């Protein structure tokens, strides 16, 4: 299914994307192509320290 896929779809919940792949509305090839177009935002990430409360 090489239909034109809306890039806004990637802002959708991943469960909806999975369902669209399962029912054939979106091919895995098209999804991979869309994911490759996303910019690398790793430099914008912030580490958040976490300490588990052990009781």
N, C-alpha and C. Protein backbone atom coordinates (compact mmCIF):
# COMPACT_ATOMS: atom_id res chain seq x y z
N UNK A 1 0.83 -1.18 0.00
CA UNK A 1 0.00 0.00 0.00
C UNK A 1 0.87 1.23 0.00
N UNK A 2 1.14 1.71 -1.10
CA UNK A 2 2.01 2.86 -1.16
C UNK A 2 1.18 4.12 -1.33
N UNK A 3 0.28 4.31 -0.39
CA UNK A 3 -0.50 5.55 -0.38
C UNK A 3 0.32 6.63 0.31
N UNK A 4 -0.02 7.86 0.06
CA UNK A 4 0.67 8.97 0.73
C UNK A 4 0.25 8.98 2.19
N UNK A 5 1.23 8.91 3.08
CA UNK A 5 0.96 8.84 4.52
C UNK A 5 1.23 10.21 5.14
N UNK A 6 0.33 10.64 5.98
CA UNK A 6 0.44 11.92 6.66
C UNK A 6 1.50 11.85 7.76
N UNK A 7 2.54 12.70 7.72
CA UNK A 7 3.57 12.69 8.77
C UNK A 7 3.00 13.03 10.15
N UNK A 8 1.85 13.67 10.19
CA UNK A 8 1.21 13.98 11.47
C UNK A 8 0.80 12.71 12.21
N UNK A 9 0.73 11.61 11.48
CA UNK A 9 0.38 10.33 12.09
C UNK A 9 1.36 9.96 13.19
N UNK A 10 2.62 10.39 13.06
CA UNK A 10 3.63 10.03 14.05
C UNK A 10 3.40 10.72 15.38
N UNK A 11 2.55 11.74 15.41
CA UNK A 11 2.21 12.40 16.67
C UNK A 11 1.10 11.63 17.39
N UNK A 12 0.57 10.63 16.72
CA UNK A 12 -0.52 9.83 17.25
C UNK A 12 0.01 8.79 18.22
N UNK A 13 -0.83 8.34 19.10
CA UNK A 13 -0.48 7.30 20.06
C UNK A 13 0.04 6.06 19.33
N UNK A 14 1.09 5.46 19.87
CA UNK A 14 1.70 4.30 19.20
C UNK A 14 0.75 3.13 19.07
N UNK A 15 -0.26 3.03 19.94
CA UNK A 15 -1.23 1.94 19.83
C UNK A 15 -2.08 2.11 18.57
N UNK A 16 -2.40 3.34 18.24
CA UNK A 16 -3.18 3.60 17.03
C UNK A 16 -2.33 3.30 15.80
N UNK A 17 -1.05 3.68 15.84
CA UNK A 17 -0.16 3.38 14.73
C UNK A 17 -0.05 1.86 14.55
N UNK A 18 0.10 1.13 15.66
CA UNK A 18 0.18 -0.34 15.58
C UNK A 18 -1.08 -0.93 14.96
N UNK A 19 -2.24 -0.39 15.35
CA UNK A 19 -3.50 -0.89 14.80
C UNK A 19 -3.57 -0.62 13.30
N UNK A 20 -3.13 0.55 12.87
CA UNK A 20 -3.14 0.88 11.44
C UNK A 20 -2.23 -0.06 10.65
N UNK A 21 -1.11 -0.45 11.23
CA UNK A 21 -0.22 -1.42 10.58
C UNK A 21 -0.91 -2.78 10.51
N UNK A 22 -1.54 -3.19 11.61
CA UNK A 22 -2.19 -4.50 11.65
C UNK A 22 -3.33 -4.63 10.64
N UNK A 23 -4.10 -3.56 10.45
CA UNK A 23 -5.23 -3.66 9.52
C UNK A 23 -4.84 -3.33 8.09
N UNK A 24 -3.57 -2.99 7.88
CA UNK A 24 -3.08 -2.75 6.53
C UNK A 24 -3.27 -1.33 6.03
N UNK A 25 -3.69 -0.44 6.91
CA UNK A 25 -3.87 0.95 6.52
C UNK A 25 -2.52 1.67 6.37
N UNK A 26 -1.50 1.12 7.02
CA UNK A 26 -0.15 1.68 6.97
C UNK A 26 0.81 0.50 6.88
N UNK A 27 1.69 0.53 5.90
CA UNK A 27 2.64 -0.57 5.77
C UNK A 27 3.85 -0.31 6.67
N UNK A 28 4.53 -1.37 7.06
CA UNK A 28 5.72 -1.22 7.89
C UNK A 28 6.80 -0.48 7.13
N UNK A 29 6.83 -0.66 5.83
CA UNK A 29 7.81 0.05 4.99
C UNK A 29 7.56 1.56 5.05
N UNK A 30 6.29 1.95 4.93
CA UNK A 30 5.94 3.37 5.00
C UNK A 30 6.24 3.94 6.39
N UNK A 31 5.94 3.17 7.42
CA UNK A 31 6.22 3.61 8.78
C UNK A 31 7.72 3.79 8.99
N UNK A 32 8.51 2.86 8.51
CA UNK A 32 9.97 2.98 8.63
C UNK A 32 10.48 4.22 7.92
N UNK A 33 9.93 4.49 6.74
CA UNK A 33 10.35 5.68 5.99
C UNK A 33 10.02 6.95 6.76
N UNK A 34 8.84 6.99 7.37
CA UNK A 34 8.46 8.17 8.16
C UNK A 34 9.36 8.33 9.38
N UNK A 35 9.68 7.22 10.04
CA UNK A 35 10.52 7.29 11.24
C UNK A 35 11.93 7.75 10.91
N UNK A 36 12.43 7.36 9.74
CA UNK A 36 13.78 7.78 9.33
C UNK A 36 13.85 9.28 9.05
N UNK A 37 12.72 9.88 8.71
CA UNK A 37 12.69 11.32 8.42
C UNK A 37 12.69 12.17 9.69
N UNK A 38 12.40 11.56 10.84
CA UNK A 38 12.35 12.33 12.07
C UNK A 38 13.73 12.84 12.45
N UNK A 39 13.81 14.07 12.97
CA UNK A 39 15.11 14.60 13.39
C UNK A 39 15.59 13.92 14.67
N UNK A 40 16.91 13.87 14.85
CA UNK A 40 17.49 13.30 16.06
C UNK A 40 17.43 14.36 17.16
N UNK A 41 16.66 14.10 18.18
CA UNK A 41 16.47 15.07 19.26
C UNK A 41 17.25 14.69 20.52
N UNK A 42 18.22 13.80 20.39
CA UNK A 42 18.99 13.33 21.54
C UNK A 42 19.70 14.46 22.27
N UNK A 43 20.14 15.48 21.54
CA UNK A 43 20.84 16.59 22.17
C UNK A 43 19.92 17.43 23.06
N UNK A 44 18.62 17.31 22.87
CA UNK A 44 17.66 18.07 23.67
C UNK A 44 17.21 17.30 24.91
N UNK A 45 17.67 16.08 25.06
CA UNK A 45 17.26 15.25 26.19
C UNK A 45 17.92 15.74 27.47
N UNK A 46 17.21 15.57 28.57
CA UNK A 46 17.73 15.95 29.87
C UNK A 46 17.67 14.73 30.78
N UNK A 47 18.78 14.45 31.46
CA UNK A 47 18.81 13.31 32.36
C UNK A 47 18.11 13.69 33.66
N UNK A 48 17.24 12.81 34.12
CA UNK A 48 16.51 13.04 35.36
C UNK A 48 16.95 11.99 36.36
N UNK A 49 17.59 12.41 37.46
CA UNK A 49 18.04 11.44 38.45
C UNK A 49 16.84 10.81 39.18
N UNK A 50 16.99 9.54 39.50
CA UNK A 50 15.91 8.81 40.17
C UNK A 50 16.50 8.00 41.31
N UNK A 51 15.89 8.10 42.47
CA UNK A 51 16.29 7.28 43.61
C UNK A 51 15.06 6.53 44.09
N UNK A 52 15.14 5.22 44.09
CA UNK A 52 14.03 4.41 44.56
C UNK A 52 14.02 4.41 46.08
N UNK A 53 12.84 4.55 46.64
CA UNK A 53 12.70 4.48 48.10
C UNK A 53 12.65 3.03 48.51
N UNK A 54 13.69 2.59 49.18
CA UNK A 54 13.72 1.20 49.64
C UNK A 54 13.29 1.16 51.09
N UNK A 55 12.24 0.41 51.36
CA UNK A 55 11.73 0.31 52.74
C UNK A 55 11.77 -1.11 53.19
